[in-house]
Amino acid sequence: MNILTTGGAVGLIIGISQSIKSIGINIKFIPLLNLLLGIAIFIGAHIFNISDTDNIGIAIMHGIICGLSASGLYSGVKNVSQGFAN
């Protein structure tokens, strides 16, 4: 995973989540959406041989890292827990 791939994936995740946020999803669940988008993007990259790894586990871990980077780990956990509490 190089810096250009990571930066591009994080930017893509942020763009998609901002678009989805504008259609009315509860903003407390955006970090969870970012995590799922990150995993989906890197699994897709692995399936279509765009990824630089041969291991699906590493591709999933890259997705988790990018998804959490897109939303911020601390604020993401805080917002999702508040969303479930309400």
N, C-alpha and C. Protein backbone atom coordinates (compact mmCIF):
# COMPACT_ATOMS: atom_id res chain seq x y z
N MET A 1 0.87 -1.17 0.00
CA MET A 1 0.00 0.00 0.00
C MET A 1 0.91 1.22 0.00
N ASN A 2 0.86 1.97 -1.07
CA ASN A 2 1.70 3.16 -1.12
C ASN A 2 0.87 4.40 -0.77
N ILE A 3 1.53 5.51 -0.65
CA ILE A 3 0.88 6.74 -0.18
C ILE A 3 -0.15 7.26 -1.18
N LEU A 4 0.07 7.08 -2.46
CA LEU A 4 -0.90 7.54 -3.45
C LEU A 4 -2.19 6.71 -3.41
N THR A 5 -2.04 5.41 -3.26
CA THR A 5 -3.22 4.55 -3.15
C THR A 5 -4.02 4.89 -1.90
N THR A 6 -3.32 5.07 -0.80
CA THR A 6 -3.99 5.39 0.46
C THR A 6 -4.69 6.73 0.38
N GLY A 7 -4.00 7.74 -0.10
CA GLY A 7 -4.60 9.07 -0.21
C GLY A 7 -5.78 9.09 -1.15
N GLY A 8 -5.66 8.40 -2.26
CA GLY A 8 -6.77 8.33 -3.21
C GLY A 8 -7.97 7.61 -2.64
N ALA A 9 -7.72 6.51 -1.93
CA ALA A 9 -8.83 5.75 -1.33
C ALA A 9 -9.52 6.57 -0.24
N VAL A 10 -8.75 7.25 0.60
CA VAL A 10 -9.34 8.07 1.66
C VAL A 10 -10.17 9.19 1.05
N GLY A 11 -9.65 9.83 0.01
CA GLY A 11 -10.41 10.89 -0.67
C GLY A 11 -11.69 10.36 -1.28
N LEU A 12 -11.63 9.18 -1.88
CA LEU A 12 -12.82 8.57 -2.48
C LEU A 12 -13.85 8.23 -1.41
N ILE A 13 -13.41 7.70 -0.29
CA ILE A 13 -14.32 7.35 0.81
C ILE A 13 -14.99 8.61 1.35
N ILE A 14 -14.22 9.66 1.55
CA ILE A 14 -14.78 10.91 2.06
C ILE A 14 -15.80 11.47 1.08
N GLY A 15 -15.49 11.45 -0.21
CA GLY A 15 -16.42 11.96 -1.22
C GLY A 15 -17.72 11.19 -1.26
N ILE A 16 -17.63 9.87 -1.22
CA ILE A 16 -18.85 9.04 -1.23
C ILE A 16 -19.67 9.26 0.02
N SER A 17 -19.01 9.30 1.17
CA SER A 17 -19.77 9.48 2.42
C SER A 17 -20.40 10.87 2.50
N GLN A 18 -19.75 11.89 1.96
CA GLN A 18 -20.36 13.22 1.95
C GLN A 18 -21.58 13.24 1.04
N SER A 19 -21.50 12.53 -0.07
CA SER A 19 -22.66 12.45 -0.97
C SER A 19 -23.82 11.74 -0.30
N ILE A 20 -23.52 10.65 0.39
CA ILE A 20 -24.58 9.91 1.08
C ILE A 20 -25.13 10.73 2.25
N LYS A 21 -24.27 11.48 2.92
CA LYS A 21 -24.73 12.32 4.02
C LYS A 21 -25.74 13.36 3.53
N SER A 22 -25.56 13.85 2.31
CA SER A 22 -26.45 14.89 1.78
C SER A 22 -27.84 14.35 1.45
N ILE A 23 -27.99 13.03 1.31
CA ILE A 23 -29.32 12.49 1.02
C ILE A 23 -30.11 12.16 2.28
N GLY A 24 -29.51 12.35 3.45
CA GLY A 24 -30.29 12.27 4.67
C GLY A 24 -29.97 11.14 5.63
N ILE A 25 -28.85 10.44 5.48
CA ILE A 25 -28.50 9.41 6.44
C ILE A 25 -28.10 10.08 7.76
N ASN A 26 -28.37 9.41 8.87
CA ASN A 26 -27.99 9.93 10.18
C ASN A 26 -26.46 10.05 10.23
N ILE A 27 -25.96 11.24 10.53
CA ILE A 27 -24.52 11.49 10.50
C ILE A 27 -23.76 10.71 11.56
N LYS A 28 -24.45 10.19 12.53
CA LYS A 28 -23.78 9.39 13.56
C LYS A 28 -23.26 8.07 12.99
N PHE A 29 -23.79 7.62 11.86
CA PHE A 29 -23.38 6.35 11.28
C PHE A 29 -22.41 6.51 10.11
N ILE A 30 -21.98 7.72 9.82
CA ILE A 30 -21.02 7.96 8.74
C ILE A 30 -19.69 7.23 8.99
N PRO A 31 -19.15 7.22 10.22
CA PRO A 31 -17.90 6.47 10.42
C PRO A 31 -18.03 4.97 10.11
N LEU A 32 -19.17 4.39 10.44
CA LEU A 32 -19.40 2.99 10.12
C LEU A 32 -19.48 2.80 8.61
N LEU A 33 -20.13 3.73 7.94
CA LEU A 33 -20.20 3.70 6.47
C LEU A 33 -18.80 3.82 5.87
N ASN A 34 -17.97 4.72 6.42
CA ASN A 34 -16.60 4.88 5.92
C ASN A 34 -15.80 3.59 6.06
N LEU A 35 -15.97 2.91 7.18
CA LEU A 35 -15.27 1.65 7.41
C LEU A 35 -15.69 0.61 6.37
N LEU A 36 -16.99 0.48 6.15
CA LEU A 36 -17.49 -0.49 5.18
C LEU A 36 -17.07 -0.14 3.75
N LEU A 37 -17.08 1.15 3.42
CA LEU A 37 -16.62 1.58 2.10
C LEU A 37 -15.14 1.27 1.89
N GLY A 38 -14.33 1.51 2.90
CA GLY A 38 -12.90 1.21 2.80
C GLY A 38 -12.65 -0.27 2.55
N ILE A 39 -13.34 -1.11 3.30
CA ILE A 39 -13.19 -2.55 3.11
C ILE A 39 -13.65 -2.95 1.72
N ALA A 40 -14.79 -2.43 1.29
CA ALA A 40 -15.33 -2.78 -0.03
C ALA A 40 -14.40 -2.34 -1.16
N ILE A 41 -13.83 -1.15 -1.05
CA ILE A 41 -12.92 -0.64 -2.08
C ILE A 41 -11.69 -1.53 -2.20
N PHE A 42 -11.10 -1.91 -1.08
CA PHE A 42 -9.87 -2.70 -1.15
C PHE A 42 -10.14 -4.16 -1.49
N ILE A 43 -11.30 -4.70 -1.11
CA ILE A 43 -11.65 -6.05 -1.57
C ILE A 43 -11.86 -6.02 -3.08
N GLY A 44 -12.54 -4.98 -3.58
CA GLY A 44 -12.71 -4.83 -5.02
C GLY A 44 -11.39 -4.70 -5.75
N ALA A 45 -10.48 -3.93 -5.17
CA ALA A 45 -9.15 -3.77 -5.78
C ALA A 45 -8.41 -5.10 -5.80
N HIS A 46 -8.59 -5.90 -4.76
CA HIS A 46 -7.94 -7.21 -4.71
C HIS A 46 -8.55 -8.16 -5.74
N ILE A 47 -9.86 -8.15 -5.87
CA ILE A 47 -10.54 -9.05 -6.81
C ILE A 47 -10.14 -8.73 -8.25
N PHE A 48 -10.05 -7.44 -8.57
CA PHE A 48 -9.72 -7.04 -9.94
C PHE A 48 -8.22 -6.87 -10.17
N ASN A 49 -7.40 -7.36 -9.24
CA ASN A 49 -5.94 -7.34 -9.34
C ASN A 49 -5.37 -5.93 -9.49
N ILE A 50 -6.01 -4.95 -8.89
CA ILE A 50 -5.48 -3.59 -8.87
C ILE A 50 -4.58 -3.40 -7.64
N SER A 51 -4.85 -4.19 -6.61
CA SER A 51 -4.10 -4.10 -5.36
C SER A 51 -2.68 -4.61 -5.53
N ASP A 52 -1.79 -4.16 -4.67
CA ASP A 52 -0.40 -4.59 -4.74
C ASP A 52 -0.11 -5.77 -3.80
N THR A 53 -1.16 -6.43 -3.32
CA THR A 53 -0.99 -7.58 -2.44
C THR A 53 -1.72 -8.79 -3.00
N ASP A 54 -1.24 -9.95 -2.65
CA ASP A 54 -1.89 -11.19 -3.06
C ASP A 54 -2.74 -11.78 -1.93
N ASN A 55 -2.75 -11.15 -0.78
CA ASN A 55 -3.44 -11.66 0.39
C ASN A 55 -4.71 -10.86 0.65
N ILE A 56 -5.85 -11.52 0.69
CA ILE A 56 -7.13 -10.84 0.92
C ILE A 56 -7.19 -10.22 2.32
N GLY A 57 -6.55 -10.86 3.30
CA GLY A 57 -6.52 -10.33 4.66
C GLY A 57 -5.82 -8.98 4.74
N ILE A 58 -4.74 -8.85 3.99
CA ILE A 58 -4.02 -7.58 3.97
C ILE A 58 -4.85 -6.53 3.25
N ALA A 59 -5.56 -6.92 2.20
CA ALA A 59 -6.43 -5.97 1.50
C ALA A 59 -7.54 -5.47 2.42
N ILE A 60 -8.11 -6.38 3.23
CA ILE A 60 -9.14 -5.97 4.19
C ILE A 60 -8.56 -5.03 5.23
N MET A 61 -7.35 -5.33 5.69
CA MET A 61 -6.71 -4.46 6.68
C MET A 61 -6.43 -3.08 6.09
N HIS A 62 -6.02 -3.01 4.83
CA HIS A 62 -5.83 -1.71 4.17
C HIS A 62 -7.15 -0.95 4.13
N GLY A 63 -8.24 -1.65 3.84
CA GLY A 63 -9.55 -1.02 3.81
C GLY A 63 -9.96 -0.48 5.17
N ILE A 64 -9.68 -1.24 6.21
CA ILE A 64 -9.99 -0.78 7.57
C ILE A 64 -9.18 0.48 7.90
N ILE A 65 -7.91 0.47 7.57
CA ILE A 65 -7.05 1.63 7.85
C ILE A 65 -7.56 2.86 7.11
N CYS A 66 -7.89 2.71 5.84
CA CYS A 66 -8.36 3.86 5.06
C CYS A 66 -9.74 4.33 5.52
N GLY A 67 -10.62 3.41 5.84
CA GLY A 67 -11.94 3.79 6.33
C GLY A 67 -11.89 4.55 7.64
N LEU A 68 -11.04 4.08 8.55
CA LEU A 68 -10.88 4.78 9.82
C LEU A 68 -10.16 6.11 9.64
N SER A 69 -9.25 6.16 8.71
CA SER A 69 -8.55 7.42 8.45
C SER A 69 -9.50 8.47 7.88
N ALA A 70 -10.47 8.03 7.11
CA ALA A 70 -11.41 8.96 6.50
C ALA A 70 -12.31 9.62 7.53
N SER A 71 -12.58 8.97 8.62
CA SER A 71 -13.50 9.56 9.59
C SER A 71 -12.86 9.94 10.91
N GLY A 72 -11.69 9.45 11.16
CA GLY A 72 -11.04 9.71 12.45
C GLY A 72 -11.48 8.65 13.44
N LEU A 73 -10.54 7.95 14.02
CA LEU A 73 -10.86 6.81 14.87
C LEU A 73 -11.63 7.23 16.12
N TYR A 74 -11.15 8.21 16.84
CA TYR A 74 -11.79 8.57 18.10
C TYR A 74 -13.19 9.12 17.90
N SER A 75 -13.32 10.10 17.03
CA SER A 75 -14.63 10.72 16.82
C SER A 75 -15.60 9.73 16.19
N GLY A 76 -15.09 8.80 15.41
CA GLY A 76 -15.95 7.80 14.80
C GLY A 76 -16.58 6.88 15.83
N VAL A 77 -15.79 6.36 16.74
CA VAL A 77 -16.31 5.48 17.78
C VAL A 77 -17.30 6.24 18.66
N LYS A 78 -16.98 7.46 18.99
CA LYS A 78 -17.86 8.29 19.83
C LYS A 78 -19.20 8.54 19.14
N ASN A 79 -19.20 8.89 17.87
CA ASN A 79 -20.44 9.18 17.17
C ASN A 79 -21.30 7.94 16.97
N VAL A 80 -20.68 6.81 16.65
CA VAL A 80 -21.46 5.59 16.45
C VAL A 80 -22.07 5.14 17.76
N SER A 81 -21.34 5.21 18.87
CA SER A 81 -21.91 4.80 20.14
C SER A 81 -23.05 5.72 20.56
N GLN A 82 -22.95 7.02 20.27
CA GLN A 82 -24.04 7.94 20.56
C GLN A 82 -25.24 7.67 19.65
N GLY A 83 -24.98 7.26 18.42
CA GLY A 83 -26.06 6.95 17.49
C GLY A 83 -26.87 5.75 17.95
N PHE A 84 -26.20 4.72 18.47
CA PHE A 84 -26.91 3.54 18.96
C PHE A 84 -27.63 3.82 20.27
N ALA A 85 -27.11 4.76 21.08
CA ALA A 85 -27.73 5.09 22.35
C ALA A 85 -29.03 5.85 22.16
N ASN A 86 -29.14 6.59 21.07
CA ASN A 86 -30.35 7.39 20.83
C ASN A 86 -31.35 6.59 20.12
